[in-house]
Amino acid sequence: MIFAAGLGTRLKPLTDTTPKALLPIGGKPMLEHVILKLKDAGFHQIVINIHHHGQQILDFLEANNNFGIRINISDERDYLLDTGGGIKKAARFLQGNEPFLIHNVDILSNVDLRHLYNKHLETNPLATLLVSKRNTSRYLLFNKENKLCGWRNHDTGEVKSYYPDFDPRQYNEYAFSGVHVVSPQIFEWMEEWTGKFSIINFYLSICAKTNIHAYEMENLRLLDVGKPDTLEKAEKWITGK
């Protein structure tokens, strides 16, 4: 599943008339880069959620014949559901016997998606989150077994955890990449969650009861193309100039 429904507010005014997913990098829309990366990794059924200027995304996919793969649309044009709500709304496309991979549309990386998926199959947690040690203000906190235990915002000092007597200093801090592999059993855990909600808040609420696992890739290169300056960096990444 590709998250392509975001408003792209940090990229205004570019996103006033164009959805973030269709902003070009190296002559191709962000969405096309992610679709081709997934296709190259062997994924041939993709769900894309839409909201902001959603019709443009539909027209783009139709013009490109869905890139020769099966693409289903999870339509959030009436109400944007955030990451957790977006996954739940797309459940009819994602439920089954196989785990599914989630990829934010604005993430460029050198991760081997097939290897990440296979790692999830080997360890079989509820979810496997691609993480890194990059600098950010908000970190997920994992124990020595790479199991999610909490969250910390360095700027505000806020800490979230459902573990009693939680001391964030005793855990490994990782930045979440926006790429994760999820087992379909997640929908059983989501039964009481409705409407708009964050997948990270959801993970934090259940991590004491089930295994949400970190996967740190060595030599991970990752770029979150969410702001104008990172759009320029992405252009250099893709074009090599």
Protein backbone atom coordinates (compact mmCIF):
# COMPACT_ATOMS: atom_id res chain seq x y z
CA MET A 1 0.00 0.00 0.00
CA ILE A 2 1.25 3.46 -0.91
CA PHE A 3 0.15 6.37 1.24
CA ALA A 4 -0.56 9.09 -1.32
CA ALA A 5 -3.46 10.94 0.33
CA GLY A 6 -1.51 13.59 2.25
CA LEU A 7 -2.12 17.32 1.88
CA GLY A 8 1.57 18.13 1.38
CA THR A 9 1.25 21.33 3.40
CA ARG A 10 5.02 21.67 3.89
CA LEU A 11 5.43 21.78 0.11
CA LYS A 12 3.04 24.67 -0.51
CA PRO A 13 2.54 26.43 -2.88
CA LEU A 14 3.56 23.49 -5.12
CA THR A 15 0.76 21.37 -3.65
CA ASP A 16 -1.95 24.01 -4.03
CA THR A 17 -2.74 22.67 -7.49
CA THR A 18 -0.91 19.30 -7.55
CA PRO A 19 -1.02 16.40 -5.09
CA LYS A 20 2.33 15.76 -3.41
CA ALA A 21 2.39 12.28 -4.96
CA LEU A 22 2.62 13.79 -8.44
CA LEU A 23 5.37 16.32 -7.78
CA PRO A 24 8.24 15.43 -10.14
CA ILE A 25 11.67 14.21 -9.09
CA GLY A 26 14.10 13.66 -11.93
CA GLY A 27 11.29 14.00 -14.45
CA LYS A 28 8.99 11.41 -12.81
CA PRO A 29 6.32 11.90 -10.13
CA MET A 30 7.13 10.65 -6.63
CA LEU A 31 4.34 8.11 -6.99
CA GLU A 32 5.89 6.61 -10.11
CA HIS A 33 9.24 6.14 -8.36
CA VAL A 34 7.57 4.22 -5.52
CA ILE A 35 5.36 2.13 -7.82
CA LEU A 36 8.37 1.08 -9.92
CA LYS A 37 10.44 0.30 -6.81
CA LEU A 38 7.65 -1.95 -5.52
CA LYS A 39 7.18 -3.55 -8.92
CA ASP A 40 10.92 -4.24 -9.23
CA ALA A 41 10.81 -5.92 -5.79
CA GLY A 42 8.10 -8.30 -6.99
CA PHE A 43 4.95 -6.61 -5.71
CA HIS A 44 2.24 -6.84 -8.36
CA GLN A 45 -0.84 -5.82 -6.39
CA ILE A 46 -0.80 -2.31 -4.94
CA VAL A 47 -3.34 -0.23 -3.02
CA ILE A 48 -3.06 3.56 -3.20
CA ASN A 49 -5.08 5.87 -0.98
CA ILE A 50 -6.12 9.25 -2.35
CA HIS A 51 -7.55 12.49 -0.95
CA HIS A 52 -5.96 15.82 -1.97
CA HIS A 53 -6.50 16.37 -5.73
CA GLY A 54 -7.30 12.65 -5.90
CA GLN A 55 -8.70 12.78 -9.43
CA GLN A 56 -5.28 13.82 -10.75
CA ILE A 57 -3.80 10.63 -9.32
CA LEU A 58 -6.57 8.54 -10.88
CA ASP A 59 -5.96 10.21 -14.25
CA PHE A 60 -2.21 9.67 -13.95
CA LEU A 61 -2.62 5.95 -13.24
CA GLU A 62 -5.07 5.54 -16.10
CA ALA A 63 -2.75 7.36 -18.50
CA ASN A 64 0.04 4.93 -17.55
CA ASN A 65 -2.10 1.78 -17.71
CA ASN A 66 -1.52 1.22 -13.97
CA PHE A 67 2.12 0.47 -14.90
CA GLY A 68 1.10 -3.03 -15.91
CA ILE A 69 0.11 -4.17 -12.43
CA ARG A 70 -3.10 -4.41 -10.41
CA ILE A 71 -3.78 -1.18 -8.56
CA ASN A 72 -6.73 -0.70 -6.21
CA ILE A 73 -7.79 2.71 -4.94
CA SER A 74 -8.78 3.42 -1.36
CA ASP A 75 -10.75 6.63 -1.74
CA GLU A 76 -10.45 9.05 1.21
CA ARG A 77 -11.60 12.14 -0.67
CA ASP A 78 -14.56 12.57 1.70
CA TYR A 79 -12.40 12.38 4.85
CA LEU A 80 -8.66 12.04 5.35
CA LEU A 81 -8.07 9.20 7.80
CA ASP A 82 -4.36 9.51 8.71
CA THR A 83 -2.04 6.50 8.50
CA GLY A 84 -3.83 4.09 10.84
CA GLY A 85 -7.31 4.94 9.63
CA GLY A 86 -6.06 4.71 6.07
CA ILE A 87 -4.84 1.16 6.59
CA LYS A 88 -8.11 0.13 8.22
CA LYS A 89 -10.21 1.63 5.40
CA ALA A 90 -8.15 -0.34 2.86
CA ALA A 91 -8.64 -3.60 4.80
CA ARG A 92 -10.76 -5.21 2.08
CA PHE A 93 -7.76 -5.04 -0.25
CA LEU A 94 -5.17 -6.06 2.35
CA GLN A 95 -6.79 -8.88 4.30
CA GLY A 96 -5.71 -12.43 3.52
CA ASN A 97 -2.95 -14.86 4.39
CA GLU A 98 0.01 -12.74 3.34
CA PRO A 99 1.65 -9.77 5.07
CA PHE A 100 1.51 -6.47 3.22
CA LEU A 101 4.05 -3.68 2.86
CA ILE A 102 3.26 -0.01 3.53
CA HIS A 103 5.32 2.71 1.83
CA ASN A 104 4.92 6.48 2.18
CA VAL A 105 4.86 8.13 -1.24
CA ASP A 106 7.44 10.75 -0.22
CA ILE A 107 10.19 8.35 0.85
CA LEU A 108 13.24 7.67 -1.29
CA SER A 109 15.63 4.99 -0.06
CA ASN A 110 18.07 2.30 -1.07
CA VAL A 111 16.28 -0.36 0.99
CA ASP A 112 15.81 -3.80 -0.57
CA LEU A 113 12.05 -4.12 -0.11
CA ARG A 114 12.01 -7.84 -0.88
CA HIS A 115 14.68 -8.46 1.77
CA LEU A 116 12.69 -6.43 4.30
CA TYR A 117 9.57 -8.42 3.47
CA ASN A 118 11.42 -11.73 3.84
CA LYS A 119 12.84 -10.63 7.21
CA HIS A 120 9.28 -10.09 8.39
CA LEU A 121 8.31 -13.57 7.19
CA GLU A 122 11.28 -15.08 9.08
CA THR A 123 10.57 -13.41 12.42
CA ASN A 124 6.76 -13.19 12.06
CA PRO A 125 5.95 -10.22 14.32
CA LEU A 126 2.73 -8.27 13.93
CA ALA A 127 4.71 -5.52 12.17
CA THR A 128 8.30 -4.91 11.07
CA LEU A 129 9.31 -1.25 10.93
CA LEU A 130 12.24 -0.07 8.83
CA VAL A 131 14.20 2.28 11.10
CA SER A 132 17.47 4.16 11.14
CA LYS A 133 19.73 6.16 13.44
CA ARG A 134 19.20 9.42 11.52
CA ASN A 135 18.80 12.70 13.39
CA THR A 136 15.23 13.77 14.10
CA SER A 137 13.23 15.12 17.04
CA ARG A 138 10.90 12.14 17.44
CA TYR A 139 12.16 8.62 18.06
CA LEU A 140 10.65 5.21 18.54
CA LEU A 141 12.17 3.36 21.49
CA PHE A 142 13.05 -0.32 21.25
CA ASN A 143 14.47 -2.80 23.77
CA LYS A 144 17.49 -5.05 23.22
CA GLU A 145 15.29 -7.57 21.38
CA ASN A 146 14.27 -4.79 18.93
CA LYS A 147 10.71 -4.78 20.28
CA LEU A 148 8.86 -1.47 20.30
CA CYS A 149 8.31 -0.14 23.83
CA GLY A 150 7.75 3.60 23.54
CA TRP A 151 8.20 6.97 21.84
CA ARG A 152 10.06 10.14 22.72
CA ASN A 153 10.05 13.73 21.46
CA HIS A 154 13.42 15.32 22.21
CA ASP A 155 12.16 18.85 21.49
CA THR A 156 9.26 18.76 23.94
CA GLY A 157 10.42 16.04 26.34
CA GLU A 158 7.15 14.15 25.81
CA VAL A 159 7.32 10.37 26.29
CA LYS A 160 4.69 7.78 25.38
CA SER A 161 4.68 4.22 26.68
CA TYR A 162 2.23 1.74 28.12
CA TYR A 163 4.96 0.08 30.18
CA PRO A 164 4.95 0.98 33.91
CA ASP A 165 7.99 2.88 35.27
CA PHE A 166 9.21 3.47 31.71
CA ASP A 167 12.67 5.05 31.54
CA PRO A 168 13.42 6.12 27.93
CA ARG A 169 17.17 6.25 28.65
CA GLN A 170 17.26 2.45 28.81
CA TYR A 171 16.07 1.95 25.23
CA ASN A 172 17.51 2.25 21.75
CA GLU A 173 16.28 5.24 19.78
CA TYR A 174 15.43 4.85 16.11
CA ALA A 175 13.78 7.09 13.54
CA PHE A 176 10.88 5.51 11.67
CA SER A 177 11.28 5.46 7.88
CA GLY A 178 7.65 5.39 6.72
CA VAL A 179 8.16 1.84 5.39
CA HIS A 180 6.80 -1.18 7.27
CA VAL A 181 5.58 -4.74 6.70
CA VAL A 182 2.39 -5.71 8.48
CA SER A 183 0.66 -9.02 9.13
CA PRO A 184 -3.08 -9.12 8.31
CA GLN A 185 -3.82 -10.02 11.96
CA ILE A 186 -3.44 -6.30 12.60
CA PHE A 187 -7.09 -5.81 11.67
CA GLU A 188 -8.15 -7.91 14.67
CA TRP A 189 -6.26 -5.47 16.91
CA MET A 190 -7.91 -2.52 15.14
CA GLU A 191 -11.52 -3.56 15.77
CA GLU A 192 -12.15 -0.87 18.39
CA TRP A 193 -10.28 1.84 16.48
CA THR A 194 -12.47 3.97 14.23
CA GLY A 195 -12.16 7.02 12.00
CA LYS A 196 -8.95 9.00 11.81
CA PHE A 197 -5.93 7.72 13.77
CA SER A 198 -2.16 7.47 13.53
CA ILE A 199 -0.54 4.08 12.94
CA ILE A 200 2.29 5.04 15.29
CA ASN A 201 -0.15 5.82 18.12
CA PHE A 202 -1.84 2.51 17.37
CA TYR A 203 1.47 0.61 17.48
CA LEU A 204 2.35 2.28 20.79
CA SER A 205 -1.01 1.29 22.28
CA ILE A 206 -0.55 -2.42 21.53
CA CYS A 207 3.23 -2.93 21.66
CA ALA A 208 3.17 -4.16 25.27
CA LYS A 209 0.83 -6.98 24.21
CA THR A 210 2.32 -8.02 20.87
CA ASN A 211 5.54 -7.78 18.89
CA ILE A 212 6.18 -4.62 16.86
CA HIS A 213 9.71 -5.16 15.60
CA ALA A 214 12.48 -2.86 14.37
CA TYR A 215 14.56 -3.63 11.32
CA GLU A 216 17.70 -1.53 11.02
CA MET A 217 19.33 -1.79 7.64
CA GLU A 218 23.08 -1.24 7.42
CA ASN A 219 24.13 1.67 5.18
CA LEU A 220 20.53 2.80 4.77
CA ARG A 221 20.17 5.91 2.63
CA LEU A 222 16.79 7.51 3.11
CA LEU A 223 15.24 10.83 2.21
CA ASP A 224 11.88 12.13 3.38
CA VAL A 225 10.81 14.40 0.52
CA GLY A 226 8.47 16.54 2.58
CA LYS A 227 9.93 20.05 2.26
CA PRO A 228 11.27 22.21 -0.60
CA ASP A 229 14.92 21.72 0.44
CA THR A 230 14.53 17.93 0.47
CA LEU A 231 12.86 18.14 -2.94
CA GLU A 232 16.11 19.63 -4.23
CA LYS A 233 18.14 16.88 -2.52
CA ALA A 234 15.84 14.26 -4.06
CA GLU A 235 16.46 15.74 -7.50
CA LYS A 236 20.22 15.35 -6.99
CA TRP A 237 19.71 11.80 -5.67
CA ILE A 238 17.73 10.70 -8.73
CA THR A 239 19.70 12.53 -11.39
CA GLY A 240 23.13 12.10 -9.76
CA LYS A 241 23.79 15.82 -10.32
